[in-house]
C-alpha atoms as a PDB file:
ATOM      1  CA  MET A   1    -111.536 173.969 -67.956  1.00  0.00           C
ATOM      2  CA  ARG A   2    -114.328 175.712 -66.076  1.00  0.00           C
ATOM      3  CA  THR A   3    -114.702 172.920 -63.524  1.00  0.00           C
ATOM      4  CA  ASN A   4    -110.975 173.091 -62.763  1.00  0.00           C
ATOM      5  CA  ILE A   5    -111.296 176.740 -61.885  1.00  0.00           C
ATOM      6  CA  GLU A   6    -114.312 176.044 -59.625  1.00  0.00           C
ATOM      7  CA  GLU A   7    -112.533 173.129 -58.020  1.00  0.00           C
ATOM      8  CA  ARG A   8    -109.517 175.428 -57.360  1.00  0.00           C
ATOM      9  CA  ALA A   9    -111.696 178.096 -55.778  1.00  0.00           C
ATOM     10  CA  VAL A  10    -113.223 175.517 -53.433  1.00  0.00           C
ATOM     11  CA  SER A  11    -109.770 174.039 -52.646  1.00  0.00           C
ATOM     12  CA  LEU A  12    -108.385 177.470 -51.906  1.00  0.00           C
ATOM     13  CA  ALA A  13    -111.294 178.207 -49.590  1.00  0.00           C
ATOM     14  CA  ARG A  14    -110.900 175.018 -47.734  1.00  0.00           C
ATOM     15  CA  TYR A  15    -107.166 175.544 -47.363  1.00  0.00           C
ATOM     16  CA  ILE A  16    -107.624 179.013 -45.958  1.00  0.00           C
ATOM     17  CA  LEU A  17    -110.298 177.831 -43.479  1.00  0.00           C
ATOM     18  CA  GLU A  18    -108.252 174.809 -42.295  1.00  0.00           C
ATOM     19  CA  ASN A  19    -105.025 176.697 -41.913  1.00  0.00           C
ATOM     20  CA  ARG A  20    -106.314 180.223 -41.167  1.00  0.00           C
ATOM     21  CA  ALA A  21    -103.895 181.109 -44.003  1.00  0.00           C
ATOM     22  CA  THR A  22    -103.335 184.441 -45.636  1.00  0.00           C
ATOM     23  CA  VAL A  23    -103.922 185.044 -49.366  1.00  0.00           C
ATOM     24  CA  ARG A  24    -100.150 185.153 -49.905  1.00  0.00           C
ATOM     25  CA  ALA A  25     -99.703 181.831 -48.140  1.00  0.00           C
ATOM     26  CA  ALA A  26    -102.489 180.221 -50.106  1.00  0.00           C
ATOM     27  CA  ALA A  27    -101.131 181.514 -53.374  1.00  0.00           C
ATOM     28  CA  ARG A  28     -97.649 180.122 -52.575  1.00  0.00           C
ATOM     29  CA  HIS A  29     -99.123 176.745 -51.605  1.00  0.00           C
ATOM     30  CA  PHE A  30    -101.202 176.411 -54.788  1.00  0.00           C
ATOM     31  CA  GLY A  31     -98.650 177.920 -57.119  1.00  0.00           C
ATOM     32  CA  VAL A  32    -100.909 180.792 -58.361  1.00  0.00           C
ATOM     33  CA  SER A  33    -100.768 184.490 -57.948  1.00  0.00           C
ATOM     34  CA  LYS A  34    -102.395 186.564 -55.182  1.00  0.00           C
ATOM     35  CA  SER A  35    -104.656 188.118 -57.795  1.00  0.00           C
ATOM     36  CA  THR A  36    -105.912 184.702 -58.804  1.00  0.00           C
ATOM     37  CA  VAL A  37    -106.571 183.816 -55.171  1.00  0.00           C
ATOM     38  CA  HIS A  38    -108.532 187.038 -54.650  1.00  0.00           C
ATOM     39  CA  LYS A  39    -110.596 186.557 -57.858  1.00  0.00           C
ATOM     40  CA  ASP A  40    -111.357 182.941 -56.957  1.00  0.00           C
ATOM     41  CA  LEU A  41    -112.435 183.742 -53.439  1.00  0.00           C
ATOM     42  CA  SER A  42    -114.180 187.071 -53.841  1.00  0.00           C
ATOM     43  CA  GLU A  43    -115.985 186.526 -57.156  1.00  0.00           C
ATOM     44  CA  ARG A  44    -116.127 182.909 -58.195  1.00  0.00           C
ATOM     45  CA  LEU A  45    -116.658 181.271 -54.749  1.00  0.00           C
ATOM     46  CA  GLU A  46    -119.677 183.437 -54.028  1.00  0.00           C
ATOM     47  CA  ARG A  47    -121.423 182.006 -57.132  1.00  0.00           C
ATOM     48  CA  ILE A  48    -120.316 178.431 -56.378  1.00  0.00           C
ATOM     49  CA  ASP A  49    -120.935 178.061 -52.654  1.00  0.00           C
ATOM     50  CA  SER A  50    -122.304 181.047 -50.750  1.00  0.00           C
ATOM     51  CA  ALA A  51    -121.998 179.376 -47.361  1.00  0.00           C
ATOM     52  CA  LEU A  52    -118.294 178.549 -47.829  1.00  0.00           C
ATOM     53  CA  TYR A  53    -117.800 182.169 -49.199  1.00  0.00           C
ATOM     54  CA  GLY A  54    -119.196 183.610 -45.981  1.00  0.00           C
ATOM     55  CA  GLN A  55    -116.809 181.563 -43.801  1.00  0.00           C
ATOM     56  CA  VAL A  56    -113.796 182.471 -45.917  1.00  0.00           C
ATOM     57  CA  LYS A  57    -114.745 186.140 -45.953  1.00  0.00           C
ATOM     58  CA  LYS A  58    -114.601 186.219 -42.167  1.00  0.00           C
ATOM     59  CA  VAL A  59    -111.044 184.763 -42.231  1.00  0.00           C
ATOM     60  CA  LEU A  60    -109.906 187.192 -44.969  1.00  0.00           C
ATOM     61  CA  ASP A  61    -111.405 190.176 -43.092  1.00  0.00           C
ATOM     62  CA  PHE A  62    -109.626 189.097 -39.942  1.00  0.00           C
ATOM     63  CA  ASN A  63    -106.361 188.773 -41.784  1.00  0.00           C
ATOM     64  CA  LYS A  64    -106.804 192.142 -43.327  1.00  0.00           C
ATOM     65  CA  SER A  65    -107.507 193.756 -39.933  1.00  0.00           C
ATOM     66  CA  GLN A  66    -104.210 192.185 -38.645  1.00  0.00           C
ATOM     67  CA  ARG A  67    -102.051 193.126 -41.693  1.00  0.00           C
ATOM     68  CA  HIS A  68    -100.607 196.298 -40.175  1.00  0.00           C
ATOM     69  CA  ILE A  69     -99.500 194.404 -37.109  1.00  0.00           C
ATOM     70  CA  ARG A  70     -97.785 191.632 -39.095  1.00  0.00           C
ATOM     71  CA  GLY A  71     -96.080 194.276 -41.216  1.00  0.00           C
ATOM     72  CA  GLY A  72     -94.713 196.077 -38.190  1.00  0.00           C
ATOM     73  CA  LEU A  73     -93.435 192.853 -36.646  1.00  0.00           C
ATOM     74  CA  ALA A  74     -91.637 191.963 -39.865  1.00  0.00           C
ATOM     75  CA  THR A  75     -89.964 195.383 -40.046  1.00  0.00           C
ATOM     76  CA  ARG A  76     -88.917 195.103 -36.429  1.00  0.00           C
ATOM     77  CA  LYS A  77     -87.493 191.688 -36.996  1.00  0.00           C
ATOM     78  CA  LYS A  78     -85.560 192.911 -40.071  1.00  0.00           C
ATOM     79  CA  TYR A  79     -83.876 195.738 -38.292  1.00  0.00           C
ATOM     80  CA  LYS A  80     -83.223 193.775 -35.026  1.00  0.00           C
ATOM     81  CA  GLY A  81     -81.476 191.116 -37.073  1.00  0.00           C
ATOM     82  CA  ILE A  82     -83.573 188.312 -35.654  1.00  0.00           C
END
């Protein structure tokens, strides 16, 4: 079972890098929770492949820095009826 978790962590990392995806999008794509994605990427991946972890961390940090903008756009879209 352990190798499946490690494979999932690497697969999640590759998906996020290829698609510049958010944690929520990756969770939806793989059918797991956001908590699982966070744990796989922040804890497990660092032990498995530190180079891949560094690349994914940059994407996750960028997504986090843009989170407030996406949230504002979603609210605007909701109330404009778009």
